[in-house]
C-alpha atoms as a PDB file:
ATOM      1  CA  UNK A   1     -49.335-170.146  53.364  1.00  0.00           C
ATOM      2  CA  UNK A   2     -47.226-169.359  50.306  1.00  0.00           C
ATOM      3  CA  UNK A   3     -48.101-166.238  48.370  1.00  0.00           C
ATOM      4  CA  UNK A   4     -49.044-166.955  44.777  1.00  0.00           C
ATOM      5  CA  UNK A   5     -46.700-165.354  42.274  1.00  0.00           C
ATOM      6  CA  UNK A   6     -48.251-162.761  39.975  1.00  0.00           C
ATOM      7  CA  UNK A   7     -47.333-164.756  36.841  1.00  0.00           C
ATOM      8  CA  UNK A   8     -49.514-167.683  37.947  1.00  0.00           C
ATOM      9  CA  UNK A   9     -52.152-165.477  39.604  1.00  0.00           C
ATOM     10  CA  UNK A  10     -52.728-163.554  36.389  1.00  0.00           C
ATOM     11  CA  UNK A  11     -53.015-166.731  34.309  1.00  0.00           C
ATOM     12  CA  UNK A  12     -55.384-168.254  36.835  1.00  0.00           C
ATOM     13  CA  UNK A  13     -57.664-165.214  36.733  1.00  0.00           C
ATOM     14  CA  UNK A  14     -57.593-165.074  32.934  1.00  0.00           C
ATOM     15  CA  UNK A  15     -58.444-168.765  32.568  1.00  0.00           C
ATOM     16  CA  UNK A  16     -61.235-168.529  35.160  1.00  0.00           C
ATOM     17  CA  UNK A  17     -62.854-165.576  33.384  1.00  0.00           C
ATOM     18  CA  UNK A  18     -62.634-167.220  29.957  1.00  0.00           C
ATOM     19  CA  UNK A  19     -64.041-170.493  31.270  1.00  0.00           C
ATOM     20  CA  UNK A  20     -66.980-168.664  32.822  1.00  0.00           C
ATOM     21  CA  UNK A  21     -67.615-166.923  29.504  1.00  0.00           C
ATOM     22  CA  UNK A  22     -67.493-170.272  27.718  1.00  0.00           C
ATOM     23  CA  UNK A  23     -64.764-169.178  25.320  1.00  0.00           C
ATOM     24  CA  UNK A  24     -62.441-172.148  25.851  1.00  0.00           C
ATOM     25  CA  UNK A  25     -61.140-174.471  28.515  1.00  0.00           C
ATOM     26  CA  UNK A  26     -57.851-173.673  30.203  1.00  0.00           C
ATOM     27  CA  UNK A  27     -54.757-175.096  28.520  1.00  0.00           C
ATOM     28  CA  UNK A  28     -53.232-176.175  31.813  1.00  0.00           C
ATOM     29  CA  UNK A  29     -53.317-175.960  35.570  1.00  0.00           C
ATOM     30  CA  UNK A  30     -51.579-173.908  38.245  1.00  0.00           C
ATOM     31  CA  UNK A  31     -49.693-175.820  40.939  1.00  0.00           C
ATOM     32  CA  UNK A  32     -48.832-174.056  44.210  1.00  0.00           C
ATOM     33  CA  UNK A  33     -48.231-176.971  46.616  1.00  0.00           C
ATOM     34  CA  UNK A  34     -44.514-177.106  47.385  1.00  0.00           C
ATOM     35  CA  UNK A  35     -44.633-180.870  47.855  1.00  0.00           C
ATOM     36  CA  UNK A  36     -46.393-181.372  44.527  1.00  0.00           C
ATOM     37  CA  UNK A  37     -43.906-179.076  42.778  1.00  0.00           C
ATOM     38  CA  UNK A  38     -40.968-180.986  44.302  1.00  0.00           C
ATOM     39  CA  UNK A  39     -42.513-184.297  43.197  1.00  0.00           C
ATOM     40  CA  UNK A  40     -42.958-182.995  39.638  1.00  0.00           C
ATOM     41  CA  UNK A  41     -39.387-181.656  39.474  1.00  0.00           C
ATOM     42  CA  UNK A  42     -37.908-184.894  40.828  1.00  0.00           C
ATOM     43  CA  UNK A  43     -39.859-186.940  38.292  1.00  0.00           C
ATOM     44  CA  UNK A  44     -38.517-184.769  35.456  1.00  0.00           C
ATOM     45  CA  UNK A  45     -35.012-185.081  36.951  1.00  0.00           C
ATOM     46  CA  UNK A  46     -35.410-188.860  36.888  1.00  0.00           C
ATOM     47  CA  UNK A  47     -36.504-188.765  33.227  1.00  0.00           C
ATOM     48  CA  UNK A  48     -33.623-186.421  32.239  1.00  0.00           C
ATOM     49  CA  UNK A  49     -36.087-183.911  30.800  1.00  0.00           C
ATOM     50  CA  UNK A  50     -34.729-180.808  29.097  1.00  0.00           C
ATOM     51  CA  UNK A  51     -35.066-177.444  30.854  1.00  0.00           C
ATOM     52  CA  UNK A  52     -34.964-174.174  28.919  1.00  0.00           C
ATOM     53  CA  UNK A  53     -33.701-170.951  30.536  1.00  0.00           C
ATOM     54  CA  UNK A  54     -34.426-167.513  29.044  1.00  0.00           C
ATOM     55  CA  UNK A  55     -32.090-164.570  29.731  1.00  0.00           C
ATOM     56  CA  UNK A  56     -30.401-161.674  27.894  1.00  0.00           C
ATOM     57  CA  UNK A  57     -32.662-162.145  24.843  1.00  0.00           C
ATOM     58  CA  UNK A  58     -31.533-165.724  24.341  1.00  0.00           C
ATOM     59  CA  UNK A  59     -32.267-169.153  25.731  1.00  0.00           C
ATOM     60  CA  UNK A  60     -30.244-172.224  26.629  1.00  0.00           C
ATOM     61  CA  UNK A  61     -31.206-175.879  26.868  1.00  0.00           C
ATOM     62  CA  UNK A  62     -29.816-178.067  29.634  1.00  0.00           C
ATOM     63  CA  UNK A  63     -31.043-180.576  32.251  1.00  0.00           C
ATOM     64  CA  UNK A  64     -31.806-180.659  35.957  1.00  0.00           C
ATOM     65  CA  UNK A  65     -28.977-182.105  38.030  1.00  0.00           C
ATOM     66  CA  UNK A  66     -30.501-181.937  41.536  1.00  0.00           C
ATOM     67  CA  UNK A  67     -33.762-181.014  43.261  1.00  0.00           C
ATOM     68  CA  UNK A  68     -33.887-180.069  46.960  1.00  0.00           C
ATOM     69  CA  UNK A  69     -36.670-178.808  49.207  1.00  0.00           C
ATOM     70  CA  UNK A  70     -35.948-175.129  48.496  1.00  0.00           C
ATOM     71  CA  UNK A  71     -33.947-175.105  45.244  1.00  0.00           C
ATOM     72  CA  UNK A  72     -33.036-176.885  42.044  1.00  0.00           C
ATOM     73  CA  UNK A  73     -29.694-177.138  40.250  1.00  0.00           C
ATOM     74  CA  UNK A  74     -28.520-177.089  36.650  1.00  0.00           C
ATOM     75  CA  UNK A  75     -25.119-177.155  34.947  1.00  0.00           C
ATOM     76  CA  UNK A  76     -24.549-174.863  31.984  1.00  0.00           C
ATOM     77  CA  UNK A  77     -21.682-173.651  29.828  1.00  0.00           C
ATOM     78  CA  UNK A  78     -23.275-170.180  29.814  1.00  0.00           C
ATOM     79  CA  UNK A  79     -22.815-167.584  32.544  1.00  0.00           C
ATOM     80  CA  UNK A  80     -26.133-166.518  34.053  1.00  0.00           C
ATOM     81  CA  UNK A  81     -25.997-163.056  35.681  1.00  0.00           C
ATOM     82  CA  UNK A  82     -27.458-162.712  39.208  1.00  0.00           C
ATOM     83  CA  UNK A  83     -30.128-160.320  40.410  1.00  0.00           C
ATOM     84  CA  UNK A  84     -32.932-161.126  38.010  1.00  0.00           C
ATOM     85  CA  UNK A  85     -35.943-163.411  37.848  1.00  0.00           C
ATOM     86  CA  UNK A  86     -35.729-165.761  34.907  1.00  0.00           C
ATOM     87  CA  UNK A  87     -38.312-167.591  32.868  1.00  0.00           C
ATOM     88  CA  UNK A  88     -38.025-171.385  32.566  1.00  0.00           C
ATOM     89  CA  UNK A  89     -39.762-174.066  30.527  1.00  0.00           C
ATOM     90  CA  UNK A  90     -39.370-177.657  31.673  1.00  0.00           C
ATOM     91  CA  UNK A  91     -40.056-179.880  28.673  1.00  0.00           C
ATOM     92  CA  UNK A  92     -41.915-182.903  30.028  1.00  0.00           C
ATOM     93  CA  UNK A  93     -43.150-185.840  27.984  1.00  0.00           C
ATOM     94  CA  UNK A  94     -46.650-184.832  29.086  1.00  0.00           C
ATOM     95  CA  UNK A  95     -46.362-181.170  28.069  1.00  0.00           C
ATOM     96  CA  UNK A  96     -44.637-177.949  29.154  1.00  0.00           C
ATOM     97  CA  UNK A  97     -44.073-176.729  32.713  1.00  0.00           C
ATOM     98  CA  UNK A  98     -43.621-172.943  32.822  1.00  0.00           C
ATOM     99  CA  UNK A  99     -42.378-170.957  35.810  1.00  0.00           C
ATOM    100  CA  UNK A 100     -40.140-168.109  36.973  1.00  0.00           C
ATOM    101  CA  UNK A 101     -37.281-168.292  39.452  1.00  0.00           C
ATOM    102  CA  UNK A 102     -34.346-166.279  40.760  1.00  0.00           C
ATOM    103  CA  UNK A 103     -30.710-167.355  40.902  1.00  0.00           C
ATOM    104  CA  UNK A 104     -29.524-168.365  44.373  1.00  0.00           C
ATOM    105  CA  UNK A 105     -25.893-169.301  43.881  1.00  0.00           C
ATOM    106  CA  UNK A 106     -23.248-169.851  41.208  1.00  0.00           C
ATOM    107  CA  UNK A 107     -20.594-172.393  42.148  1.00  0.00           C
ATOM    108  CA  UNK A 108     -17.028-172.587  40.934  1.00  0.00           C
ATOM    109  CA  UNK A 109     -16.983-173.124  37.203  1.00  0.00           C
ATOM    110  CA  UNK A 110     -15.395-176.172  35.640  1.00  0.00           C
ATOM    111  CA  UNK A 111     -13.955-175.817  32.142  1.00  0.00           C
ATOM    112  CA  UNK A 112     -15.140-179.310  31.196  1.00  0.00           C
ATOM    113  CA  UNK A 113     -18.358-179.711  33.175  1.00  0.00           C
ATOM    114  CA  UNK A 114     -19.571-176.107  33.023  1.00  0.00           C
ATOM    115  CA  UNK A 115     -21.061-173.747  35.613  1.00  0.00           C
ATOM    116  CA  UNK A 116     -23.121-175.252  38.429  1.00  0.00           C
ATOM    117  CA  UNK A 117     -26.026-172.943  39.303  1.00  0.00           C
ATOM    118  CA  UNK A 118     -28.859-173.186  41.824  1.00  0.00           C
ATOM    119  CA  UNK A 119     -32.252-171.457  41.609  1.00  0.00           C
ATOM    120  CA  UNK A 120     -35.047-171.031  44.119  1.00  0.00           C
ATOM    121  CA  UNK A 121     -37.811-173.596  43.832  1.00  0.00           C
ATOM    122  CA  UNK A 122     -40.764-171.672  42.322  1.00  0.00           C
ATOM    123  CA  UNK A 123     -43.812-170.867  44.426  1.00  0.00           C
ATOM    124  CA  UNK A 124     -46.057-171.820  41.538  1.00  0.00           C
ATOM    125  CA  UNK A 125     -45.806-173.531  38.172  1.00  0.00           C
ATOM    126  CA  UNK A 126     -48.078-173.543  35.123  1.00  0.00           C
ATOM    127  CA  UNK A 127     -48.490-177.077  33.780  1.00  0.00           C
ATOM    128  CA  UNK A 128     -49.627-176.926  30.168  1.00  0.00           C
ATOM    129  CA  UNK A 129     -51.664-179.808  28.805  1.00  0.00           C
ATOM    130  CA  UNK A 130     -50.145-182.542  26.697  1.00  0.00           C
ATOM    131  CA  UNK A 131     -49.402-181.499  23.139  1.00  0.00           C
ATOM    132  CA  UNK A 132     -51.988-182.507  20.585  1.00  0.00           C
ATOM    133  CA  UNK A 133     -49.071-183.821  18.514  1.00  0.00           C
ATOM    134  CA  UNK A 134     -46.492-185.257  20.963  1.00  0.00           C
ATOM    135  CA  UNK A 135     -42.936-184.667  19.755  1.00  0.00           C
ATOM    136  CA  UNK A 136     -40.149-187.218  19.747  1.00  0.00           C
ATOM    137  CA  UNK A 137     -36.779-185.704  20.677  1.00  0.00           C
ATOM    138  CA  UNK A 138     -33.976-187.124  18.588  1.00  0.00           C
ATOM    139  CA  UNK A 139     -30.996-186.028  20.784  1.00  0.00           C
ATOM    140  CA  UNK A 140     -28.562-186.497  17.845  1.00  0.00           C
ATOM    141  CA  UNK A 141     -29.100-190.253  18.060  1.00  0.00           C
ATOM    142  CA  UNK A 142     -30.506-190.547  14.564  1.00  0.00           C
ATOM    143  CA  UNK A 143     -29.332-189.420  11.159  1.00  0.00           C
ATOM    144  CA  UNK A 144     -32.355-187.201  10.550  1.00  0.00           C
ATOM    145  CA  UNK A 145     -31.974-183.959   8.623  1.00  0.00           C
ATOM    146  CA  UNK A 146     -33.806-181.593   6.288  1.00  0.00           C
ATOM    147  CA  UNK A 147     -32.404-180.209   3.046  1.00  0.00           C
ATOM    148  CA  UNK A 148     -33.674-178.045   0.238  1.00  0.00           C
ATOM    149  CA  UNK A 149     -33.166-174.873  -1.763  1.00  0.00           C
ATOM    150  CA  UNK A 150     -34.300-171.330  -1.029  1.00  0.00           C
ATOM    151  CA  UNK A 151     -36.019-169.194  -3.676  1.00  0.00           C
ATOM    152  CA  UNK A 152     -32.692-167.591  -4.606  1.00  0.00           C
ATOM    153  CA  UNK A 153     -31.155-170.982  -5.372  1.00  0.00           C
ATOM    154  CA  UNK A 154     -29.154-171.166  -2.126  1.00  0.00           C
ATOM    155  CA  UNK A 155     -29.030-174.652  -0.599  1.00  0.00           C
ATOM    156  CA  UNK A 156     -29.873-175.241   3.072  1.00  0.00           C
ATOM    157  CA  UNK A 157     -29.314-178.109   5.466  1.00  0.00           C
ATOM    158  CA  UNK A 158     -30.753-178.520   8.980  1.00  0.00           C
ATOM    159  CA  UNK A 159     -30.538-181.228  11.610  1.00  0.00           C
ATOM    160  CA  UNK A 160     -33.967-182.327  12.856  1.00  0.00           C
ATOM    161  CA  UNK A 161     -34.042-181.767  16.622  1.00  0.00           C
ATOM    162  CA  UNK A 162     -37.505-183.186  17.264  1.00  0.00           C
ATOM    163  CA  UNK A 163     -40.466-184.332  15.213  1.00  0.00           C
ATOM    164  CA  UNK A 164     -44.186-185.047  15.523  1.00  0.00           C
ATOM    165  CA  UNK A 165     -46.888-185.999  13.036  1.00  0.00           C
ATOM    166  CA  UNK A 166     -47.719-182.289  12.756  1.00  0.00           C
ATOM    167  CA  UNK A 167     -44.311-180.614  12.507  1.00  0.00           C
ATOM    168  CA  UNK A 168     -40.680-180.524  13.541  1.00  0.00           C
ATOM    169  CA  UNK A 169     -37.930-178.345  15.007  1.00  0.00           C
ATOM    170  CA  UNK A 170     -34.867-177.794  12.824  1.00  0.00           C
ATOM    171  CA  UNK A 171     -31.485-176.517  14.015  1.00  0.00           C
ATOM    172  CA  UNK A 172     -28.523-174.997  12.193  1.00  0.00           C
ATOM    173  CA  UNK A 173     -25.646-172.723  13.190  1.00  0.00           C
ATOM    174  CA  UNK A 174     -25.921-170.041  10.510  1.00  0.00           C
ATOM    175  CA  UNK A 175     -29.129-170.326   8.458  1.00  0.00           C
ATOM    176  CA  UNK A 176     -30.255-167.570   6.086  1.00  0.00           C
ATOM    177  CA  UNK A 177     -32.830-165.862   8.315  1.00  0.00           C
ATOM    178  CA  UNK A 178     -34.189-163.808   5.406  1.00  0.00           C
ATOM    179  CA  UNK A 179     -36.118-166.882   4.256  1.00  0.00           C
ATOM    180  CA  UNK A 180     -37.224-167.987   7.747  1.00  0.00           C
ATOM    181  CA  UNK A 181     -39.731-165.299   8.742  1.00  0.00           C
ATOM    182  CA  UNK A 182     -43.016-166.181  10.456  1.00  0.00           C
ATOM    183  CA  UNK A 183     -45.577-167.813   8.108  1.00  0.00           C
ATOM    184  CA  UNK A 184     -43.079-168.140   5.243  1.00  0.00           C
ATOM    185  CA  UNK A 185     -43.019-171.487   3.429  1.00  0.00           C
ATOM    186  CA  UNK A 186     -40.050-173.694   2.600  1.00  0.00           C
ATOM    187  CA  UNK A 187     -41.270-175.353  -0.594  1.00  0.00           C
ATOM    188  CA  UNK A 188     -40.198-178.859  -1.604  1.00  0.00           C
ATOM    189  CA  UNK A 189     -38.136-179.522   1.520  1.00  0.00           C
ATOM    190  CA  UNK A 190     -36.756-183.037   1.772  1.00  0.00           C
ATOM    191  CA  UNK A 191     -36.969-184.768   5.157  1.00  0.00           C
ATOM    192  CA  UNK A 192     -34.228-187.384   5.256  1.00  0.00           C
ATOM    193  CA  UNK A 193     -35.338-189.863   7.918  1.00  0.00           C
ATOM    194  CA  UNK A 194     -32.508-192.421   8.166  1.00  0.00           C
ATOM    195  CA  UNK A 195     -33.796-195.931   7.458  1.00  0.00           C
ATOM    196  CA  UNK A 196     -37.332-194.555   7.033  1.00  0.00           C
ATOM    197  CA  UNK A 197     -36.442-192.933   3.723  1.00  0.00           C
ATOM    198  CA  UNK A 198     -37.172-189.451   2.424  1.00  0.00           C
ATOM    199  CA  UNK A 199     -40.327-187.336   2.197  1.00  0.00           C
ATOM    200  CA  UNK A 200     -40.753-184.192   0.103  1.00  0.00           C
ATOM    201  CA  UNK A 201     -42.912-181.705   1.968  1.00  0.00           C
ATOM    202  CA  UNK A 202     -43.693-177.999   2.384  1.00  0.00           C
ATOM    203  CA  UNK A 203     -42.769-176.478   5.763  1.00  0.00           C
ATOM    204  CA  UNK A 204     -44.605-173.480   7.256  1.00  0.00           C
ATOM    205  CA  UNK A 205     -42.314-171.460   9.570  1.00  0.00           C
ATOM    206  CA  UNK A 206     -43.890-170.818  12.983  1.00  0.00           C
ATOM    207  CA  UNK A 207     -40.980-169.176  14.824  1.00  0.00           C
ATOM    208  CA  UNK A 208     -37.187-168.956  15.008  1.00  0.00           C
ATOM    209  CA  UNK A 209     -35.176-168.665  18.235  1.00  0.00           C
ATOM    210  CA  UNK A 210     -31.479-168.752  19.067  1.00  0.00           C
ATOM    211  CA  UNK A 211     -30.609-171.542  21.479  1.00  0.00           C
ATOM    212  CA  UNK A 212     -27.478-172.853  23.155  1.00  0.00           C
ATOM    213  CA  UNK A 213     -27.299-176.621  23.515  1.00  0.00           C
ATOM    214  CA  UNK A 214     -25.210-177.303  26.583  1.00  0.00           C
ATOM    215  CA  UNK A 215     -24.052-180.654  25.278  1.00  0.00           C
ATOM    216  CA  UNK A 216     -21.653-178.762  22.985  1.00  0.00           C
ATOM    217  CA  UNK A 217     -22.031-175.162  24.333  1.00  0.00           C
ATOM    218  CA  UNK A 218     -22.533-173.772  20.813  1.00  0.00           C
ATOM    219  CA  UNK A 219     -25.327-171.481  19.633  1.00  0.00           C
ATOM    220  CA  UNK A 220     -27.853-172.578  17.024  1.00  0.00           C
ATOM    221  CA  UNK A 221     -30.975-171.203  15.421  1.00  0.00           C
ATOM    222  CA  UNK A 222     -33.991-173.390  16.095  1.00  0.00           C
ATOM    223  CA  UNK A 223     -36.730-173.220  13.459  1.00  0.00           C
ATOM    224  CA  UNK A 224     -40.176-174.527  14.438  1.00  0.00           C
ATOM    225  CA  UNK A 225     -42.129-175.754  11.417  1.00  0.00           C
ATOM    226  CA  UNK A 226     -45.585-177.071  10.625  1.00  0.00           C
ATOM    227  CA  UNK A 227     -45.951-179.807   8.011  1.00  0.00           C
ATOM    228  CA  UNK A 228     -47.969-179.080   4.850  1.00  0.00           C
ATOM    229  CA  UNK A 229     -48.452-182.559   3.444  1.00  0.00           C
ATOM    230  CA  UNK A 230     -48.760-183.038  -0.304  1.00  0.00           C
ATOM    231  CA  UNK A 231     -50.024-186.616   0.021  1.00  0.00           C
ATOM    232  CA  UNK A 232     -51.994-188.371   2.746  1.00  0.00           C
ATOM    233  CA  UNK A 233     -49.639-191.365   2.623  1.00  0.00           C
ATOM    234  CA  UNK A 234     -46.732-189.102   3.709  1.00  0.00           C
ATOM    235  CA  UNK A 235     -48.543-188.263   6.961  1.00  0.00           C
ATOM    236  CA  UNK A 236     -49.191-191.976   7.495  1.00  0.00           C
ATOM    237  CA  UNK A 237     -45.487-192.742   6.959  1.00  0.00           C
ATOM    238  CA  UNK A 238     -44.473-190.223   9.626  1.00  0.00           C
ATOM    239  CA  UNK A 239     -47.090-191.560  12.066  1.00  0.00           C
ATOM    240  CA  UNK A 240     -45.739-195.108  11.625  1.00  0.00           C
ATOM    241  CA  UNK A 241     -42.140-193.896  12.016  1.00  0.00           C
ATOM    242  CA  UNK A 242     -42.995-192.090  15.266  1.00  0.00           C
ATOM    243  CA  UNK A 243     -44.616-195.234  16.626  1.00  0.00           C
ATOM    244  CA  UNK A 244     -41.476-197.235  15.799  1.00  0.00           C
ATOM    245  CA  UNK A 245     -39.221-194.642  17.475  1.00  0.00           C
ATOM    246  CA  UNK A 246     -41.341-194.505  20.623  1.00  0.00           C
ATOM    247  CA  UNK A 247     -41.471-198.311  20.912  1.00  0.00           C
ATOM    248  CA  UNK A 248     -37.696-198.537  20.341  1.00  0.00           C
ATOM    249  CA  UNK A 249     -37.042-195.919  23.049  1.00  0.00           C
ATOM    250  CA  UNK A 250     -39.251-197.829  25.511  1.00  0.00           C
ATOM    251  CA  UNK A 251     -37.496-201.084  24.666  1.00  0.00           C
ATOM    252  CA  UNK A 252     -34.074-199.505  25.328  1.00  0.00           C
ATOM    253  CA  UNK A 253     -35.239-198.247  28.709  1.00  0.00           C
ATOM    254  CA  UNK A 254     -36.208-201.794  29.720  1.00  0.00           C
ATOM    255  CA  UNK A 255     -32.868-203.308  28.683  1.00  0.00           C
END
């Protein structure tokens, strides 16, 4: 029988205690069956889901390239040092899959394709429930961006990485971090949503992280924001846009 990793064991105990006390239901479930974990990983491989790797106080976004019985593989432009256990988040359409794993092998690097790396299949994973506001990932396929002006008069411009009816993630290479602290507000931001028009909105900053997108191997700052709607009809417009985008993505998959 596999030993349960402490990361999952601790979460399991915490959730059990809080459920017994009636404080709140657990946000997700712990999976320890190797066959179930393999099935989950292979499904996310099939769907080309993004996987996030945290190391050296930064994180990178890439995708699974292979899943075997004892390991999984990624390709990255970043060099991942051996000898440590790393935190991962697999971004599924149904929620987040969190786990830890150690590097098994780094293969010969390719200047164009990047570094091929294998990690041990985790003994347990924490599957977080579906987001209350599912996000649609734009993958640079749409001309969606956010612009505005900081309090000092400085202009800003972000690409919109993903969006939901409750918020969005913005990315830029060198934003002015002085105005992007937790709980600060970007007043009168303009969401430019391609053929869906523009919406003026206030954005509450939730967090800022530095990420490397392996599609271009460059570092960006990702700013997670919560929408503060000025008008109810603006929320309705975003809800309708999301429905259109989801239906279009499903239609493309069938073609």
